[in-house]
Amino acid sequence: MTISRRAVVGLGVLGGSIAVTGTAVLLQNDPAMRGVLGKVDTLRGYAGGEKMAFIQNPKTVRALRRFGLALDAERAGSVDQVRDPQLLGTNPQFLWPSSSPLVELARKHAKVLRDQVIFNSPIVVYSWTPFADGLVRAGMAMRDGAHYYIDAHKLIDAVLARKSWQQLGQQDLYGTVRLISTDPNKANSGFMFAGLSANLLAGDVATEETLPAVLPRLTELFRGMGYKPDSSGKVFDDYIAGGPGADPLVVGYENQLIEWILADPDRWARVEAAAGPAKPVTLYPRPTVYSAHPLLALVPQAGRLIDAMMSPDLQSIGWRDHGFRGPLGSVGAETDPLIKGRMPNQIVAVSPMPDIDVMLKILQALA
């Protein structure tokens, strides 16, 4: 049997069409090719305020588009986003808090399909050069290049003892030593600092057995702070805007000052060149706690977001532009000269957080 030329051409066109269609289907199923083909899925959810600059970074937006993804992310305190019925009632597709213990709390209130730590950033205390140097003279801190280490237990004891700034080597400040964090019931930096403080007051990782003995002093520590913002980003913004007199010691994340420096190199050059000695500095508590940033997928599509965030491109943007360490707490392969020496390569004095049931009791006491 012979086949006409027209039939042969028809079969060729049909075969080519099938091949093209098959290839297109395969490419659309490849997460790295969906954006190339113009197919972008928008995922909606909540993220801690300290990550919003990373999420909104045009480099991040472009990198996610290559994975066929876009984010509609609202800023929300880490504790609120994992347990607030009003927020969870909006049916978010992902949550991005700033603490691993909060994953366990999230599982009590939502169906978490997958979770993965994307970034790490240790809890630090931000201050200003005159005060940090005063703490060195008082024997509470030591300087290491462009950053400092501070004895966390001595700091908490000084705040609870209502020591004056003059007793800590700083003659220009009025009143007693004041430390500010976020509200532990709203935002993660306060939540983490509450866990660290409970450990230090207990002499070990706080447990349900040791907690009752330390709760009165822990409550006193946080009530003495007065008003506590509900966002780590708000605390840091107030610290920078208020200057040394308004906010001499605040609790935050390591990456916040790094991100602020990198965001405007000219501004930082002016700060460095200024005649006045008061410049923002980072004090690393010894011990400190690591604030992991786990991404929680609440729908299957959000699993692709986790894969994208773990890609080398997005990990590099997190470090290079925003100062976020990788999932293992390591710094990136390349460091901008502006921040070189401003953060230790490794954080060695790290305390584990109390378990979530202990933290819930602490939150209740501090509410």
Protein backbone atom coordinates (compact mmCIF):
# COMPACT_ATOMS: atom_id res chain seq x y z
CA MET A 1 0.00 0.00 0.00
CA THR A 2 1.35 3.40 -0.93
CA ILE A 3 0.82 6.63 1.06
CA SER A 4 0.20 9.85 -0.82
CA ARG A 5 2.51 12.82 -0.44
CA ARG A 6 -0.34 14.81 1.10
CA ALA A 7 -0.88 12.13 3.75
CA VAL A 8 2.81 12.07 4.60
CA VAL A 9 2.81 15.85 5.07
CA GLY A 10 -0.34 15.61 7.19
CA LEU A 11 1.19 12.95 9.42
CA GLY A 12 4.33 15.08 9.79
CA VAL A 13 2.31 18.13 10.83
CA LEU A 14 0.28 16.01 13.29
CA GLY A 15 3.43 14.46 14.75
CA GLY A 16 5.06 17.88 15.11
CA SER A 17 1.96 19.26 16.79
CA ILE A 18 1.90 16.38 19.27
CA ALA A 19 5.60 16.87 19.99
CA VAL A 20 5.19 20.62 20.54
CA THR A 21 2.16 20.08 22.77
CA GLY A 22 3.95 17.39 24.76
CA THR A 23 7.02 19.58 25.17
CA ALA A 24 4.88 22.53 26.30
CA VAL A 25 3.12 20.36 28.90
CA LEU A 26 6.45 19.07 30.19
CA LEU A 27 7.89 22.59 30.40
CA GLN A 28 4.83 23.91 32.24
CA ASN A 29 5.31 21.15 34.80
CA ASP A 30 8.92 22.24 35.30
CA PRO A 31 8.84 24.92 38.05
CA ALA A 32 11.95 26.61 36.65
CA MET A 33 10.29 27.05 33.22
CA ARG A 34 6.79 28.22 34.18
CA GLY A 35 7.86 31.85 34.42
CA VAL A 36 9.70 31.63 31.10
CA LEU A 37 6.45 30.51 29.49
CA GLY A 38 4.58 33.42 31.07
CA LYS A 39 2.61 31.30 33.55
CA VAL A 40 2.80 32.96 36.98
CA ASP A 41 0.82 31.83 40.03
CA THR A 42 0.25 34.39 42.79
CA LEU A 43 0.40 33.03 46.33
CA ARG A 44 -1.19 34.95 49.18
CA GLY A 45 -0.04 34.86 52.79
CA TYR A 46 1.58 36.56 55.76
CA ALA A 47 5.23 37.30 56.58
CA GLY A 48 7.13 38.89 59.44
CA GLY A 49 7.90 42.57 58.95
CA GLU A 50 11.67 41.98 58.92
CA LYS A 51 11.29 40.01 55.66
CA MET A 52 9.10 42.47 53.76
CA ALA A 53 12.04 44.33 52.20
CA PHE A 54 13.36 41.01 50.88
CA ILE A 55 9.94 40.03 49.51
CA GLN A 56 9.53 43.41 47.80
CA ASN A 57 13.08 43.54 46.45
CA PRO A 58 12.83 43.70 42.60
CA LYS A 59 15.57 41.04 42.42
CA THR A 60 13.40 38.71 44.53
CA VAL A 61 10.34 39.45 42.40
CA ARG A 62 12.25 38.65 39.18
CA ALA A 63 13.80 35.49 40.61
CA LEU A 64 10.39 34.20 41.74
CA ARG A 65 8.89 34.92 38.32
CA ARG A 66 11.46 32.57 36.83
CA PHE A 67 9.83 29.91 38.99
CA GLY A 68 6.38 31.00 37.81
CA LEU A 69 5.52 32.59 41.17
CA ALA A 70 4.49 35.95 42.56
CA LEU A 71 3.73 36.85 46.18
CA ASP A 72 0.86 38.80 47.68
CA ALA A 73 2.33 39.02 51.19
CA GLU A 74 0.93 41.05 54.07
CA ARG A 75 3.00 42.06 57.06
CA ALA A 76 1.94 40.36 60.30
CA GLY A 77 3.60 39.62 63.62
CA SER A 78 4.98 36.10 63.76
CA VAL A 79 2.95 35.02 66.79
CA ASP A 80 -0.24 36.55 65.44
CA GLN A 81 0.03 34.93 62.02
CA VAL A 82 0.23 31.39 63.39
CA ARG A 83 -2.62 31.60 65.92
CA ASP A 84 -4.85 34.63 65.31
CA PRO A 85 -8.27 33.30 64.14
CA GLN A 86 -8.94 36.50 62.21
CA LEU A 87 -5.74 36.18 60.15
CA LEU A 88 -6.04 32.44 59.65
CA GLY A 89 -9.70 32.94 58.71
CA THR A 90 -8.56 34.70 55.52
CA ASN A 91 -7.29 31.30 54.29
CA PRO A 92 -3.66 32.22 53.58
CA GLN A 93 -1.70 29.89 51.31
CA PHE A 94 1.58 30.37 53.18
CA LEU A 95 2.88 31.73 56.48
CA TRP A 96 6.40 32.99 57.05
CA PRO A 97 7.03 33.57 60.77
CA SER A 98 10.43 34.02 62.37
CA SER A 99 10.82 31.16 64.82
CA SER A 100 10.93 27.37 64.59
CA PRO A 101 8.86 26.87 67.79
CA LEU A 102 6.06 28.77 66.07
CA VAL A 103 5.75 25.96 63.51
CA GLU A 104 4.53 23.72 66.31
CA LEU A 105 2.09 26.41 67.41
CA ALA A 106 0.88 26.85 63.83
CA ARG A 107 0.09 23.14 63.61
CA LYS A 108 -2.36 23.59 66.48
CA HIS A 109 -4.37 26.11 64.45
CA ALA A 110 -3.82 25.28 60.75
CA LYS A 111 -3.03 22.38 58.45
CA VAL A 112 0.66 22.75 57.63
CA LEU A 113 1.56 20.60 54.61
CA ARG A 114 5.26 21.38 54.63
CA ASP A 115 7.72 23.64 56.43
CA GLN A 116 11.33 24.59 55.75
CA VAL A 117 13.74 27.01 57.42
CA ILE A 118 14.76 29.49 54.70
CA PHE A 119 16.90 31.98 56.64
CA ASN A 120 18.49 32.39 60.06
CA SER A 121 19.23 35.56 62.01
CA PRO A 122 20.39 35.62 65.63
CA ILE A 123 18.70 37.86 68.18
CA VAL A 124 20.89 40.88 68.97
CA VAL A 125 20.73 44.09 70.99
CA TYR A 126 21.14 47.34 69.07
CA SER A 127 22.80 50.30 70.76
CA TRP A 128 25.03 53.28 69.99
CA THR A 129 28.81 53.57 70.21
CA PRO A 130 29.01 55.70 73.41
CA PHE A 131 26.72 53.32 75.32
CA ALA A 132 28.39 50.19 73.99
CA ASP A 133 31.79 51.56 75.02
CA GLY A 134 30.36 52.38 78.44
CA LEU A 135 29.19 48.78 78.81
CA VAL A 136 32.73 47.67 77.95
CA ARG A 137 34.12 49.89 80.70
CA ALA A 138 31.54 48.48 83.12
CA GLY A 139 32.75 44.94 82.41
CA MET A 140 29.51 43.84 80.76
CA ALA A 141 30.64 43.84 77.14
CA MET A 142 33.68 43.47 74.91
CA ARG A 143 34.43 44.91 71.48
CA ASP A 144 35.45 42.80 68.51
CA GLY A 145 36.15 45.06 65.53
CA ALA A 146 32.91 46.64 64.32
CA HIS A 147 30.63 44.67 66.64
CA TYR A 148 30.37 43.91 70.36
CA TYR A 149 29.53 40.97 72.61
CA ILE A 150 27.50 41.49 75.78
CA ASP A 151 26.91 39.25 78.78
CA ALA A 152 23.15 38.70 78.45
CA HIS A 153 22.70 37.65 82.08
CA LYS A 154 24.47 40.77 83.39
CA LEU A 155 22.36 42.96 81.11
CA ILE A 156 19.09 41.47 82.36
CA ASP A 157 20.25 41.71 85.97
CA ALA A 158 21.16 45.38 85.47
CA VAL A 159 17.72 46.16 84.04
CA LEU A 160 15.93 44.32 86.87
CA ALA A 161 18.13 45.99 89.49
CA ARG A 162 17.21 49.36 87.96
CA LYS A 163 20.84 50.36 87.77
CA SER A 164 21.53 53.86 86.54
CA TRP A 165 23.31 54.55 83.29
CA GLN A 166 26.06 56.21 85.32
CA GLN A 167 26.70 52.88 87.07
CA LEU A 168 27.24 51.34 83.64
CA GLY A 169 29.82 53.86 82.51
CA GLN A 170 27.52 56.27 80.64
CA GLN A 171 27.31 59.74 82.14
CA ASP A 172 25.17 61.41 79.47
CA LEU A 173 21.98 59.38 79.86
CA TYR A 174 19.27 60.12 82.39
CA GLY A 175 17.60 57.54 84.60
CA THR A 176 17.92 53.79 84.79
CA VAL A 177 18.99 51.27 82.15
CA ARG A 178 16.15 50.68 79.72
CA LEU A 179 15.80 47.82 77.26
CA ILE A 180 13.00 47.62 74.68
CA SER A 181 11.70 44.66 72.67
CA THR A 182 8.55 43.88 70.75
CA ASP A 183 5.45 42.51 72.44
CA PRO A 184 6.13 38.75 72.89
CA ASN A 185 2.47 38.00 72.23
CA LYS A 186 2.63 39.72 68.87
CA ALA A 187 6.09 39.59 67.32
CA ASN A 188 8.88 37.05 67.25
CA SER A 189 11.87 39.09 68.44
CA GLY A 190 10.05 39.71 71.76
CA PHE A 191 8.93 36.07 71.81
CA MET A 192 12.52 34.86 71.35
CA PHE A 193 13.94 37.31 73.88
CA ALA A 194 11.34 36.17 76.42
CA GLY A 195 12.52 32.57 75.94
CA LEU A 196 16.17 33.56 76.24
CA SER A 197 15.47 35.63 79.38
CA ALA A 198 13.54 32.76 80.98
CA ASN A 199 16.50 30.46 80.36
CA LEU A 200 18.97 32.92 81.89
CA LEU A 201 16.81 33.52 84.96
CA ALA A 202 16.30 29.76 85.38
CA GLY A 203 20.01 28.98 84.98
CA ASP A 204 19.23 26.49 82.21
CA VAL A 205 16.58 25.89 79.55
CA ALA A 206 13.33 26.85 81.26
CA THR A 207 10.94 23.96 81.88
CA GLU A 208 7.44 23.66 83.28
CA GLU A 209 9.03 22.76 86.63
CA THR A 210 11.45 25.72 86.79
CA LEU A 211 9.22 28.34 85.17
CA PRO A 212 7.07 29.28 88.21
CA ALA A 213 10.16 30.45 90.10
CA VAL A 214 11.30 32.80 87.30
CA LEU A 215 7.96 34.13 86.04
CA PRO A 216 7.73 37.04 88.54
CA ARG A 217 11.14 38.43 87.48
CA LEU A 218 10.43 37.76 83.81
CA THR A 219 7.13 39.61 84.06
CA GLU A 220 8.89 42.50 85.82
CA LEU A 221 11.49 42.67 83.04
CA PHE A 222 8.90 43.05 80.27
CA ARG A 223 6.47 45.29 82.14
CA GLY A 224 9.35 47.65 82.89
CA MET A 225 9.79 48.21 79.14
CA GLY A 226 6.50 50.10 78.94
CA TYR A 227 4.93 50.22 75.48
CA LYS A 228 6.16 47.39 73.25
CA PRO A 229 5.52 47.60 69.48
CA ASP A 230 3.96 44.67 67.66
CA SER A 231 6.57 44.54 64.90
CA SER A 232 10.34 44.01 64.87
CA GLY A 233 10.56 46.34 61.89
CA LYS A 234 8.77 49.07 63.89
CA VAL A 235 11.19 48.69 66.81
CA PHE A 236 14.20 49.04 64.52
CA ASP A 237 12.70 52.00 62.64
CA ASP A 238 12.02 53.75 65.96
CA TYR A 239 15.57 52.99 67.11
CA ILE A 240 17.10 54.59 64.01
CA ALA A 241 14.70 57.54 63.95
CA GLY A 242 14.81 58.24 67.69
CA GLY A 243 18.57 58.18 68.01
CA PRO A 244 20.69 57.49 71.10
CA GLY A 245 18.62 59.40 73.64
CA ALA A 246 15.29 57.81 72.74
CA ASP A 247 16.29 54.17 72.26
CA PRO A 248 19.67 53.31 73.80
CA LEU A 249 19.11 49.51 73.84
CA VAL A 250 16.63 47.60 71.67
CA VAL A 251 16.18 43.92 70.84
CA GLY A 252 16.18 43.02 67.15
CA TYR A 253 17.54 40.71 64.46
CA GLU A 254 21.13 40.73 63.26
CA ASN A 255 20.11 41.32 59.66
CA GLN A 256 18.23 44.59 60.32
CA LEU A 257 21.23 46.91 60.61
CA ILE A 258 22.99 45.07 57.79
CA GLU A 259 19.96 45.56 55.56
CA TRP A 260 19.74 49.25 56.52
CA ILE A 261 23.41 49.79 55.62
CA LEU A 262 23.11 47.99 52.28
CA ALA A 263 19.88 49.78 51.33
CA ASP A 264 21.62 53.17 51.04
CA PRO A 265 25.44 53.10 50.90
CA ASP A 266 25.63 56.91 50.58
CA ARG A 267 23.59 57.35 53.75
CA TRP A 268 25.89 54.95 55.60
CA ALA A 269 28.96 56.81 54.31
CA ARG A 270 27.53 60.02 55.83
CA VAL A 271 26.92 58.24 59.16
CA GLU A 272 30.49 56.90 59.18
CA ALA A 273 31.93 60.32 58.33
CA ALA A 274 29.87 62.23 60.89
CA ALA A 275 31.86 64.01 63.61
CA GLY A 276 29.59 62.82 66.44
CA PRO A 277 30.55 59.54 68.11
CA ALA A 278 27.01 58.11 68.30
CA LYS A 279 26.73 55.49 65.57
CA PRO A 280 24.45 52.43 65.51
CA VAL A 281 26.18 49.23 66.61
CA THR A 282 25.29 45.60 67.18
CA LEU A 283 25.73 43.86 70.53
CA TYR A 284 25.68 40.05 70.33
CA PRO A 285 24.26 38.61 73.56
CA ARG A 286 26.14 35.68 75.04
CA PRO A 287 24.26 33.46 74.91
CA THR A 288 21.75 34.38 72.24
CA VAL A 289 19.02 32.46 70.43
CA TYR A 290 18.74 31.86 66.70
CA SER A 291 15.67 33.19 65.01
CA ALA A 292 14.98 30.73 62.22
CA HIS A 293 12.61 31.86 59.48
CA PRO A 294 10.53 28.81 58.50
CA LEU A 295 8.23 29.04 55.49
CA LEU A 296 4.98 27.15 56.01
CA ALA A 297 3.05 25.77 53.03
CA LEU A 298 -0.69 25.56 53.76
CA VAL A 299 -1.67 24.54 50.21
CA PRO A 300 0.16 22.24 47.75
CA GLN A 301 1.13 25.12 45.43
CA ALA A 302 3.08 26.79 48.23
CA GLY A 303 5.48 23.85 48.25
CA ARG A 304 6.91 25.31 45.03
CA LEU A 305 7.58 28.54 46.90
CA ILE A 306 9.72 26.65 49.42
CA ASP A 307 11.70 25.06 46.58
CA ALA A 308 12.22 28.46 44.96
CA MET A 309 13.35 30.12 48.21
CA MET A 310 15.97 27.41 48.73
CA SER A 311 17.48 28.05 45.29
CA PRO A 312 21.00 29.55 45.17
CA ASP A 313 19.69 32.74 43.52
CA LEU A 314 17.20 33.60 46.26
CA GLN A 315 19.51 32.52 49.06
CA SER A 316 22.16 34.85 47.62
CA ILE A 317 19.72 37.78 47.46
CA GLY A 318 18.74 37.14 51.09
CA TRP A 319 22.37 37.38 52.19
CA ARG A 320 23.81 39.95 49.78
CA ASP A 321 20.97 42.48 50.01
CA HIS A 322 19.40 41.78 53.40
CA GLY A 323 21.95 40.12 55.68
CA PHE A 324 20.01 36.89 56.24
CA ARG A 325 22.18 33.88 57.04
CA GLY A 326 21.35 30.57 55.35
CA PRO A 327 19.36 27.70 56.90
CA LEU A 328 22.42 26.39 58.78
CA GLY A 329 23.30 29.80 60.22
CA SER A 330 26.21 30.32 57.84
CA VAL A 331 27.09 33.56 56.10
CA GLY A 332 27.03 33.81 52.32
CA ALA A 333 29.92 33.09 49.99
CA GLU A 334 30.32 36.77 49.07
CA THR A 335 30.15 39.68 51.49
CA ASP A 336 29.67 43.32 50.55
CA PRO A 337 32.67 45.42 51.69
CA LEU A 338 30.23 47.75 53.50
CA ILE A 339 29.36 45.05 56.04
CA LYS A 340 32.62 43.13 56.18
CA GLY A 341 33.56 42.54 59.82
CA ARG A 342 30.22 43.78 61.14
CA MET A 343 29.00 40.27 61.95
CA PRO A 344 30.86 37.17 63.16
CA ASN A 345 31.09 34.28 60.72
CA GLN A 346 29.76 31.91 63.34
CA ILE A 347 27.53 32.36 66.38
CA VAL A 348 28.86 29.90 68.95
CA ALA A 349 27.07 30.84 72.20
CA VAL A 350 23.52 29.77 71.30
CA SER A 351 20.83 28.75 73.78
CA PRO A 352 17.95 26.46 72.78
CA MET A 353 14.45 27.85 73.18
CA PRO A 354 12.08 26.42 75.80
CA ASP A 355 9.49 24.07 74.32
CA ILE A 356 6.23 25.50 73.01
CA ASP A 357 4.11 24.59 76.07
CA VAL A 358 6.52 26.53 78.30
CA MET A 359 6.48 29.46 75.86
CA LEU A 360 2.67 29.50 75.87
CA LYS A 361 2.72 29.82 79.65
CA ILE A 362 5.22 32.68 79.33
CA LEU A 363 3.00 34.41 76.75
CA GLN A 364 0.02 34.08 79.05
CA ALA A 365 1.93 35.63 81.93
CA LEU A 366 3.17 38.50 79.74
CA ALA A 367 -0.16 39.19 78.04
